[in-house]
Amino acid sequence: MAYYPIQQIFVLGTIVFSSGAESLDVDLYRFIRRHMSGDWGDISDYDIEMNEIALATDGPLLSQYTVTDAGGSLRSLSIMTESDRSITVVWLNS
């Protein structure tokens, strides 16, 4: 298995997982690493632009990823880092 360094472009603060996200039984830190490196996942072009602005102005940062759960179903996982970079929340969308 190859490992590639990931450039962290902002501070995550405390990371909090919802019970729904924890129930996915996947490596959630894989998605945290993508989020902290600016790989925003499956968001709109508008939300990508808002994230780029937020990086420069200390606004909130949002990522969304499609995840396959243990049962083989596709689920949507969101990650949000608050404006003050004190907390990052990971949750499963319904």
PDB file of N, CA and C in Angstrom:
ATOM      1  N   MET A   1       0.842  -1.169   0.000  1.00  0.00           N
ATOM      2  CA  MET A   1       0.000   0.000   0.000  1.00  0.00           C
ATOM      3  C   MET A   1       0.892   1.237   0.000  1.00  0.00           C
ATOM      4  N   ALA A   2       0.587   2.170  -0.862  1.00  0.00           N
ATOM      5  CA  ALA A   2       1.355   3.416  -0.946  1.00  0.00           C
ATOM      6  C   ALA A   2       0.716   4.476  -0.054  1.00  0.00           C
ATOM      7  N   TYR A   3       1.549   5.303   0.530  1.00  0.00           N
ATOM      8  CA  TYR A   3       1.081   6.418   1.338  1.00  0.00           C
ATOM      9  C   TYR A   3       1.549   7.709   0.703  1.00  0.00           C
ATOM     10  N   TYR A   4       0.665   8.678   0.670  1.00  0.00           N
ATOM     11  CA  TYR A   4       0.979   9.954   0.064  1.00  0.00           C
ATOM     12  C   TYR A   4       0.778  11.054   1.097  1.00  0.00           C
ATOM     13  N   PRO A   5       1.708  11.979   1.190  1.00  0.00           N
ATOM     14  CA  PRO A   5       1.534  13.058   2.161  1.00  0.00           C
ATOM     15  C   PRO A   5       0.365  13.950   1.767  1.00  0.00           C
ATOM     16  N   ILE A   6      -0.350  14.422   2.768  1.00  0.00           N
ATOM     17  CA  ILE A   6      -1.479  15.314   2.539  1.00  0.00           C
ATOM     18  C   ILE A   6      -1.162  16.646   3.185  1.00  0.00           C
ATOM     19  N   GLN A   7      -1.323  17.705   2.449  1.00  0.00           N
ATOM     20  CA  GLN A   7      -1.074  19.049   2.936  1.00  0.00           C
ATOM     21  C   GLN A   7      -2.310  19.558   3.663  1.00  0.00           C
ATOM     22  N   GLN A   8      -2.207  19.795   4.947  1.00  0.00           N
ATOM     23  CA  GLN A   8      -3.306  20.360   5.719  1.00  0.00           C
ATOM     24  C   GLN A   8      -3.328  21.854   5.479  1.00  0.00           C
ATOM     25  N   ILE A   9      -4.469  22.384   4.979  1.00  0.00           N
ATOM     26  CA  ILE A   9      -4.521  23.798   4.604  1.00  0.00           C
ATOM     27  C   ILE A   9      -5.280  24.664   5.619  1.00  0.00           C
ATOM     28  N   PHE A  10      -5.842  24.055   6.659  1.00  0.00           N
ATOM     29  CA  PHE A  10      -6.500  24.814   7.725  1.00  0.00           C
ATOM     30  C   PHE A  10      -6.570  23.943   8.971  1.00  0.00           C
ATOM     31  N   VAL A  11      -6.828  24.586  10.100  1.00  0.00           N
ATOM     32  CA  VAL A  11      -6.918  23.902  11.386  1.00  0.00           C
ATOM     33  C   VAL A  11      -8.319  23.313  11.549  1.00  0.00           C
ATOM     34  N   LEU A  12      -8.394  22.095  12.059  1.00  0.00           N
ATOM     35  CA  LEU A  12      -9.671  21.418  12.242  1.00  0.00           C
ATOM     36  C   LEU A  12     -10.310  21.685  13.595  1.00  0.00           C
ATOM     37  N   GLY A  13      -9.519  21.986  14.611  1.00  0.00           N
ATOM     38  CA  GLY A  13     -10.047  22.103  15.965  1.00  0.00           C
ATOM     39  C   GLY A  13     -10.433  20.725  16.484  1.00  0.00           C
ATOM     40  N   THR A  14     -11.360  20.683  17.410  1.00  0.00           N
ATOM     41  CA  THR A  14     -11.864  19.422  17.948  1.00  0.00           C
ATOM     42  C   THR A  14     -12.737  18.749  16.897  1.00  0.00           C
ATOM     43  N   ILE A  15     -12.558  17.461  16.709  1.00  0.00           N
ATOM     44  CA  ILE A  15     -13.365  16.713  15.731  1.00  0.00           C
ATOM     45  C   ILE A  15     -14.447  15.958  16.475  1.00  0.00           C
ATOM     46  N   VAL A  16     -15.694  16.150  16.041  1.00  0.00           N
ATOM     47  CA  VAL A  16     -16.852  15.513  16.664  1.00  0.00           C
ATOM     48  C   VAL A  16     -17.586  14.712  15.592  1.00  0.00           C
ATOM     49  N   PHE A  17     -17.919  13.462  15.935  1.00  0.00           N
ATOM     50  CA  PHE A  17     -18.645  12.584  15.014  1.00  0.00           C
ATOM     51  C   PHE A  17     -20.056  12.351  15.539  1.00  0.00           C
ATOM     52  N   SER A  18     -21.046  12.430  14.656  1.00  0.00           N
ATOM     53  CA  SER A  18     -22.407  12.066  15.051  1.00  0.00           C
ATOM     54  C   SER A  18     -22.477  10.551  15.194  1.00  0.00           C
ATOM     55  N   SER A  19     -23.480  10.080  15.905  1.00  0.00           N
ATOM     56  CA  SER A  19     -23.641   8.629  16.052  1.00  0.00           C
ATOM     57  C   SER A  19     -23.930   7.981  14.703  1.00  0.00           C
ATOM     58  N   GLY A  20     -24.633   8.693  13.821  1.00  0.00           N
ATOM     59  CA  GLY A  20     -24.902   8.161  12.485  1.00  0.00           C
ATOM     60  C   GLY A  20     -23.629   7.966  11.683  1.00  0.00           C
ATOM     61  N   ALA A  21     -22.726   8.941  11.760  1.00  0.00           N
ATOM     62  CA  ALA A  21     -21.447   8.819  11.047  1.00  0.00           C
ATOM     63  C   ALA A  21     -20.639   7.662  11.613  1.00  0.00           C
ATOM     64  N   GLU A  22     -20.599   7.545  12.928  1.00  0.00           N
ATOM     65  CA  GLU A  22     -19.848   6.451  13.556  1.00  0.00           C
ATOM     66  C   GLU A  22     -20.421   5.087  13.195  1.00  0.00           C
ATOM     67  N   SER A  23     -21.722   5.019  12.942  1.00  0.00           N
ATOM     68  CA  SER A  23     -22.361   3.734  12.621  1.00  0.00           C
ATOM     69  C   SER A  23     -22.024   3.229  11.222  1.00  0.00           C
ATOM     70  N   LEU A  24     -21.387   4.052  10.397  1.00  0.00           N
ATOM     71  CA  LEU A  24     -21.071   3.651   9.021  1.00  0.00           C
ATOM     72  C   LEU A  24     -20.060   2.521   8.947  1.00  0.00           C
ATOM     73  N   ASP A  25     -19.228   2.379   9.950  1.00  0.00           N
ATOM     74  CA  ASP A  25     -18.197   1.339   9.974  1.00  0.00           C
ATOM     75  C   ASP A  25     -17.236   1.478   8.791  1.00  0.00           C
ATOM     76  N   VAL A  26     -16.812   2.735   8.561  1.00  0.00           N
ATOM     77  CA  VAL A  26     -15.784   3.042   7.553  1.00  0.00           C
ATOM     78  C   VAL A  26     -14.727   3.909   8.223  1.00  0.00           C
ATOM     79  N   ASP A  27     -13.582   4.078   7.570  1.00  0.00           N
ATOM     80  CA  ASP A  27     -12.517   4.925   8.095  1.00  0.00           C
ATOM     81  C   ASP A  27     -12.898   6.388   7.883  1.00  0.00           C
ATOM     82  N   LEU A  28     -13.500   7.002   8.888  1.00  0.00           N
ATOM     83  CA  LEU A  28     -13.935   8.389   8.775  1.00  0.00           C
ATOM     84  C   LEU A  28     -12.756   9.343   8.649  1.00  0.00           C
ATOM     85  N   TYR A  29     -11.610   8.958   9.174  1.00  0.00           N
ATOM     86  CA  TYR A  29     -10.444   9.836   9.076  1.00  0.00           C
ATOM     87  C   TYR A  29      -9.945   9.967   7.639  1.00  0.00           C
ATOM     88  N   ARG A  30     -10.282   9.035   6.793  1.00  0.00           N
ATOM     89  CA  ARG A  30      -9.957   9.176   5.368  1.00  0.00           C
ATOM     90  C   ARG A  30     -10.655  10.417   4.801  1.00  0.00           C
ATOM     91  N   PHE A  31     -11.898  10.629   5.225  1.00  0.00           N
ATOM     92  CA  PHE A  31     -12.670  11.773   4.750  1.00  0.00           C
ATOM     93  C   PHE A  31     -12.228  13.064   5.448  1.00  0.00           C
ATOM     94  N   ILE A  32     -11.832  12.961   6.707  1.00  0.00           N
ATOM     95  CA  ILE A  32     -11.264  14.119   7.411  1.00  0.00           C
ATOM     96  C   ILE A  32      -9.993  14.590   6.695  1.00  0.00           C
ATOM     97  N   ARG A  33      -9.146  13.643   6.301  1.00  0.00           N
ATOM     98  CA  ARG A  33      -7.911  14.010   5.590  1.00  0.00           C
ATOM     99  C   ARG A  33      -8.228  14.701   4.265  1.00  0.00           C
ATOM    100  N   ARG A  34      -9.238  14.210   3.541  1.00  0.00           N
ATOM    101  CA  ARG A  34      -9.626  14.859   2.293  1.00  0.00           C
ATOM    102  C   ARG A  34     -10.119  16.279   2.563  1.00  0.00           C
ATOM    103  N   HIS A  35     -10.959  16.416   3.573  1.00  0.00           N
ATOM    104  CA  HIS A  35     -11.522  17.722   3.940  1.00  0.00           C
ATOM    105  C   HIS A  35     -10.418  18.716   4.277  1.00  0.00           C
ATOM    106  N   MET A  36      -9.481  18.327   5.139  1.00  0.00           N
ATOM    107  CA  MET A  36      -8.441  19.256   5.604  1.00  0.00           C
ATOM    108  C   MET A  36      -7.435  19.618   4.519  1.00  0.00           C
ATOM    109  N   SER A  37      -7.442  18.865   3.413  1.00  0.00           N
ATOM    110  CA  SER A  37      -6.522  19.172   2.313  1.00  0.00           C
ATOM    111  C   SER A  37      -7.195  19.952   1.181  1.00  0.00           C
ATOM    112  N   GLY A  38      -8.501  20.254   1.350  1.00  0.00           N
ATOM    113  CA  GLY A  38      -9.200  21.029   0.328  1.00  0.00           C
ATOM    114  C   GLY A  38      -9.867  20.197  -0.750  1.00  0.00           C
ATOM    115  N   ASP A  39      -9.942  18.885  -0.549  1.00  0.00           N
ATOM    116  CA  ASP A  39     -10.718  18.023  -1.448  1.00  0.00           C
ATOM    117  C   ASP A  39     -12.132  18.001  -0.873  1.00  0.00           C
ATOM    118  N   TRP A  40     -13.000  18.827  -1.403  1.00  0.00           N
ATOM    119  CA  TRP A  40     -14.323  19.056  -0.834  1.00  0.00           C
ATOM    120  C   TRP A  40     -15.330  17.981  -1.202  1.00  0.00           C
ATOM    121  N   GLY A  41     -14.957  17.055  -2.065  1.00  0.00           N
ATOM    122  CA  GLY A  41     -15.852  15.943  -2.393  1.00  0.00           C
ATOM    123  C   GLY A  41     -16.953  16.326  -3.349  1.00  0.00           C
ATOM    124  N   ASP A  42     -18.177  15.933  -3.003  1.00  0.00           N
ATOM    125  CA  ASP A  42     -19.337  16.025  -3.897  1.00  0.00           C
ATOM    126  C   ASP A  42     -20.193  17.252  -3.601  1.00  0.00           C
ATOM    127  N   ILE A  43     -19.596  18.447  -3.679  1.00  0.00           N
ATOM    128  CA  ILE A  43     -20.375  19.663  -3.468  1.00  0.00           C
ATOM    129  C   ILE A  43     -20.462  20.439  -4.781  1.00  0.00           C
ATOM    130  N   SER A  44     -21.366  21.386  -4.807  1.00  0.00           N
ATOM    131  CA  SER A  44     -21.587  22.165  -6.033  1.00  0.00           C
ATOM    132  C   SER A  44     -20.427  23.116  -6.300  1.00  0.00           C
ATOM    133  N   ASP A  45     -20.361  23.596  -7.527  1.00  0.00           N
ATOM    134  CA  ASP A  45     -19.341  24.586  -7.892  1.00  0.00           C
ATOM    135  C   ASP A  45     -19.472  25.835  -7.020  1.00  0.00           C
ATOM    136  N   TYR A  46     -20.710  26.218  -6.718  1.00  0.00           N
ATOM    137  CA  TYR A  46     -20.936  27.373  -5.851  1.00  0.00           C
ATOM    138  C   TYR A  46     -20.337  27.134  -4.467  1.00  0.00           C
ATOM    139  N   ASP A  47     -20.578  25.952  -3.880  1.00  0.00           N
ATOM    140  CA  ASP A  47     -20.037  25.645  -2.553  1.00  0.00           C
ATOM    141  C   ASP A  47     -18.512  25.550  -2.571  1.00  0.00           C
ATOM    142  N   ILE A  48     -17.944  25.065  -3.667  1.00  0.00           N
ATOM    143  CA  ILE A  48     -16.478  25.063  -3.804  1.00  0.00           C
ATOM    144  C   ILE A  48     -15.961  26.491  -3.766  1.00  0.00           C
ATOM    145  N   GLU A  49     -16.619  27.379  -4.518  1.00  0.00           N
ATOM    146  CA  GLU A  49     -16.216  28.784  -4.529  1.00  0.00           C
ATOM    147  C   GLU A  49     -16.343  29.398  -3.136  1.00  0.00           C
ATOM    148  N   MET A  50     -17.430  29.069  -2.419  1.00  0.00           N
ATOM    149  CA  MET A  50     -17.621  29.589  -1.066  1.00  0.00           C
ATOM    150  C   MET A  50     -16.527  29.078  -0.122  1.00  0.00           C
ATOM    151  N   ASN A  51     -16.103  27.821  -0.290  1.00  0.00           N
ATOM    152  CA  ASN A  51     -15.009  27.287   0.525  1.00  0.00           C
ATOM    153  C   ASN A  51     -13.702  28.026   0.238  1.00  0.00           C
ATOM    154  N   GLU A  52     -13.446  28.321  -1.017  1.00  0.00           N
ATOM    155  CA  GLU A  52     -12.221  29.040  -1.370  1.00  0.00           C
ATOM    156  C   GLU A  52     -12.216  30.442  -0.746  1.00  0.00           C
ATOM    157  N   ILE A  53     -13.359  31.088  -0.775  1.00  0.00           N
ATOM    158  CA  ILE A  53     -13.477  32.395  -0.132  1.00  0.00           C
ATOM    159  C   ILE A  53     -13.313  32.246   1.378  1.00  0.00           C
ATOM    160  N   ALA A  54     -13.927  31.209   1.950  1.00  0.00           N
ATOM    161  CA  ALA A  54     -13.862  30.965   3.400  1.00  0.00           C
ATOM    162  C   ALA A  54     -12.434  30.714   3.867  1.00  0.00           C
ATOM    163  N   LEU A  55     -11.620  30.100   3.036  1.00  0.00           N
ATOM    164  CA  LEU A  55     -10.215  29.891   3.403  1.00  0.00           C
ATOM    165  C   LEU A  55      -9.494  31.220   3.588  1.00  0.00           C
ATOM    166  N   ALA A  56      -9.840  32.188   2.762  1.00  0.00           N
ATOM    167  CA  ALA A  56      -9.180  33.497   2.815  1.00  0.00           C
ATOM    168  C   ALA A  56      -9.782  34.421   3.866  1.00  0.00           C
ATOM    169  N   THR A  57     -11.049  34.178   4.226  1.00  0.00           N
ATOM    170  CA  THR A  57     -11.752  35.109   5.125  1.00  0.00           C
ATOM    171  C   THR A  57     -12.177  34.455   6.434  1.00  0.00           C
ATOM    172  N   ASP A  58     -11.704  33.252   6.703  1.00  0.00           N
ATOM    173  CA  ASP A  58     -12.063  32.526   7.928  1.00  0.00           C
ATOM    174  C   ASP A  58     -13.557  32.255   8.038  1.00  0.00           C
ATOM    175  N   GLY A  59     -14.157  31.802   6.956  1.00  0.00           N
ATOM    176  CA  GLY A  59     -15.551  31.395   6.983  1.00  0.00           C
ATOM    177  C   GLY A  59     -15.658  29.893   7.223  1.00  0.00           C
ATOM    178  N   PRO A  60     -16.879  29.377   7.365  1.00  0.00           N
ATOM    179  CA  PRO A  60     -17.061  27.943   7.572  1.00  0.00           C
ATOM    180  C   PRO A  60     -16.726  27.165   6.301  1.00  0.00           C
ATOM    181  N   LEU A  61     -16.252  25.938   6.489  1.00  0.00           N
ATOM    182  CA  LEU A  61     -15.848  25.082   5.369  1.00  0.00           C
ATOM    183  C   LEU A  61     -16.699  23.827   5.357  1.00  0.00           C
ATOM    184  N   LEU A  62     -17.225  23.467   4.182  1.00  0.00           N
ATOM    185  CA  LEU A  62     -18.124  22.325   4.047  1.00  0.00           C
ATOM    186  C   LEU A  62     -17.594  21.350   3.010  1.00  0.00           C
ATOM    187  N   SER A  63     -17.646  20.070   3.359  1.00  0.00           N
ATOM    188  CA  SER A  63     -17.357  18.993   2.408  1.00  0.00           C
ATOM    189  C   SER A  63     -18.486  17.984   2.467  1.00  0.00           C
ATOM    190  N   GLN A  64     -18.656  17.240   1.374  1.00  0.00           N
ATOM    191  CA  GLN A  64     -19.661  16.187   1.347  1.00  0.00           C
ATOM    192  C   GLN A  64     -19.118  15.050   0.493  1.00  0.00           C
ATOM    193  N   TYR A  65     -19.283  13.839   0.992  1.00  0.00           N
ATOM    194  CA  TYR A  65     -18.719  12.664   0.321  1.00  0.00           C
ATOM    195  C   TYR A  65     -19.761  11.564   0.226  1.00  0.00           C
ATOM    196  N   THR A  66     -19.718  10.825  -0.860  1.00  0.00           N
ATOM    197  CA  THR A  66     -20.542   9.638  -1.009  1.00  0.00           C
ATOM    198  C   THR A  66     -19.761   8.461  -0.442  1.00  0.00           C
ATOM    199  N   VAL A  67     -20.399   7.746   0.481  1.00  0.00           N
ATOM    200  CA  VAL A  67     -19.766   6.661   1.217  1.00  0.00           C
ATOM    201  C   VAL A  67     -20.590   5.394   1.031  1.00  0.00           C
ATOM    202  N   THR A  68     -19.903   4.272   0.877  1.00  0.00           N
ATOM    203  CA  THR A  68     -20.593   2.982   0.835  1.00  0.00           C
ATOM    204  C   THR A  68     -20.587   2.400   2.241  1.00  0.00           C
ATOM    205  N   ASP A  69     -21.773   2.149   2.804  1.00  0.00           N
ATOM    206  CA  ASP A  69     -21.843   1.599   4.151  1.00  0.00           C
ATOM    207  C   ASP A  69     -21.593   0.093   4.138  1.00  0.00           C
ATOM    208  N   ALA A  70     -21.583  -0.521   5.310  1.00  0.00           N
ATOM    209  CA  ALA A  70     -21.269  -1.946   5.437  1.00  0.00           C
ATOM    210  C   ALA A  70     -22.244  -2.825   4.665  1.00  0.00           C
ATOM    211  N   GLY A  71     -23.476  -2.340   4.460  1.00  0.00           N
ATOM    212  CA  GLY A  71     -24.478  -3.099   3.719  1.00  0.00           C
ATOM    213  C   GLY A  71     -24.422  -2.886   2.220  1.00  0.00           C
ATOM    214  N   GLY A  72     -23.477  -2.061   1.756  1.00  0.00           N
ATOM    215  CA  GLY A  72     -23.336  -1.811   0.323  1.00  0.00           C
ATOM    216  C   GLY A  72     -24.169  -0.645  -0.192  1.00  0.00           C
ATOM    217  N   SER A  73     -24.872   0.059   0.697  1.00  0.00           N
ATOM    218  CA  SER A  73     -25.686   1.203   0.281  1.00  0.00           C
ATOM    219  C   SER A  73     -24.848   2.470   0.220  1.00  0.00           C
ATOM    220  N   LEU A  74     -25.170   3.332  -0.735  1.00  0.00           N
ATOM    221  CA  LEU A  74     -24.494   4.622  -0.846  1.00  0.00           C
ATOM    222  C   LEU A  74     -25.133   5.596   0.126  1.00  0.00           C
ATOM    223  N   ARG A  75     -24.310   6.284   0.903  1.00  0.00           N
ATOM    224  CA  ARG A  75     -24.760   7.251   1.900  1.00  0.00           C
ATOM    225  C   ARG A  75     -24.013   8.557   1.683  1.00  0.00           C
ATOM    226  N   SER A  76     -24.545   9.631   2.234  1.00  0.00           N
ATOM    227  CA  SER A  76     -23.924  10.944   2.098  1.00  0.00           C
ATOM    228  C   SER A  76     -23.397  11.391   3.464  1.00  0.00           C
ATOM    229  N   LEU A  77     -22.109  11.712   3.501  1.00  0.00           N
ATOM    230  CA  LEU A  77     -21.419  12.129   4.713  1.00  0.00           C
ATOM    231  C   LEU A  77     -21.001  13.592   4.556  1.00  0.00           C
ATOM    232  N   SER A  78     -21.299  14.415   5.551  1.00  0.00           N
ATOM    233  CA  SER A  78     -20.920  15.827   5.507  1.00  0.00           C
ATOM    234  C   SER A  78     -19.909  16.136   6.602  1.00  0.00           C
ATOM    235  N   ILE A  79     -19.027  17.088   6.304  1.00  0.00           N
ATOM    236  CA  ILE A  79     -18.047  17.574   7.269  1.00  0.00           C
ATOM    237  C   ILE A  79     -18.063  19.088   7.210  1.00  0.00           C
ATOM    238  N   MET A  80     -18.160  19.723   8.382  1.00  0.00           N
ATOM    239  CA  MET A  80     -18.175  21.178   8.475  1.00  0.00           C
ATOM    240  C   MET A  80     -17.166  21.619   9.521  1.00  0.00           C
ATOM    241  N   THR A  81     -16.279  22.526   9.130  1.00  0.00           N
ATOM    242  CA  THR A  81     -15.374  23.170  10.076  1.00  0.00           C
ATOM    243  C   THR A  81     -15.887  24.585  10.302  1.00  0.00           C
ATOM    244  N   GLU A  82     -16.077  24.937  11.565  1.00  0.00           N
ATOM    245  CA  GLU A  82     -16.629  26.243  11.920  1.00  0.00           C
ATOM    246  C   GLU A  82     -15.667  27.382  11.549  1.00  0.00           C
ATOM    247  N   SER A  83     -16.199  28.559  11.452  1.00  0.00           N
ATOM    248  CA  SER A  83     -15.443  29.748  11.048  1.00  0.00           C
ATOM    249  C   SER A  83     -14.214  29.999  11.905  1.00  0.00           C
ATOM    250  N   ASP A  84     -14.349  29.793  13.218  1.00  0.00           N
ATOM    251  CA  ASP A  84     -13.216  30.068  14.106  1.00  0.00           C
ATOM    252  C   ASP A  84     -12.244  28.889  14.186  1.00  0.00           C
ATOM    253  N   ARG A  85     -12.525  27.835  13.415  1.00  0.00           N
ATOM    254  CA  ARG A  85     -11.673  26.634  13.323  1.00  0.00           C
ATOM    255  C   ARG A  85     -11.522  25.915  14.675  1.00  0.00           C
ATOM    256  N   SER A  86     -12.503  26.104  15.566  1.00  0.00           N
ATOM    257  CA  SER A  86     -12.447  25.467  16.876  1.00  0.00           C
ATOM    258  C   SER A  86     -13.011  24.052  16.862  1.00  0.00           C
ATOM    259  N   ILE A  87     -13.871  23.751  15.889  1.00  0.00           N
ATOM    260  CA  ILE A  87     -14.524  22.447  15.868  1.00  0.00           C
ATOM    261  C   ILE A  87     -14.834  22.033  14.431  1.00  0.00           C
ATOM    262  N   THR A  88     -14.719  20.752  14.181  1.00  0.00           N
ATOM    263  CA  THR A  88     -15.125  20.142  12.916  1.00  0.00           C
ATOM    264  C   THR A  88     -16.126  19.049  13.247  1.00  0.00           C
ATOM    265  N   VAL A  89     -17.278  19.095  12.603  1.00  0.00           N
ATOM    266  CA  VAL A  89     -18.347  18.138  12.867  1.00  0.00           C
ATOM    267  C   VAL A  89     -18.542  17.251  11.640  1.00  0.00           C
ATOM    268  N   VAL A  90     -18.652  15.953  11.889  1.00  0.00           N
ATOM    269  CA  VAL A  90     -18.860  14.961  10.824  1.00  0.00           C
ATOM    270  C   VAL A  90     -20.224  14.318  11.085  1.00  0.00           C
ATOM    271  N   TRP A  91     -21.110  14.337  10.088  1.00  0.00           N
ATOM    272  CA  TRP A  91     -22.423  13.731  10.277  1.00  0.00           C
ATOM    273  C   TRP A  91     -22.899  13.034   9.019  1.00  0.00           C
ATOM    274  N   LEU A  92     -23.813  12.111   9.233  1.00  0.00           N
ATOM    275  CA  LEU A  92     -24.427  11.335   8.160  1.00  0.00           C
ATOM    276  C   LEU A  92     -25.721  12.033   7.774  1.00  0.00           C
ATOM    277  N   ASN A  93     -25.871  12.332   6.492  1.00  0.00           N
ATOM    278  CA  ASN A  93     -27.109  12.949   6.017  1.00  0.00           C
ATOM    279  C   ASN A  93     -28.205  11.899   5.929  1.00  0.00           C
ATOM    280  N   SER A  94     -29.423  12.309   6.207  1.00  0.00           N
ATOM    281  CA  SER A  94     -30.535  11.343   6.171  1.00  0.00           C
ATOM    282  C   SER A  94     -31.049  11.125   4.778  1.00  0.00           C
TER     283      SER A  94
END
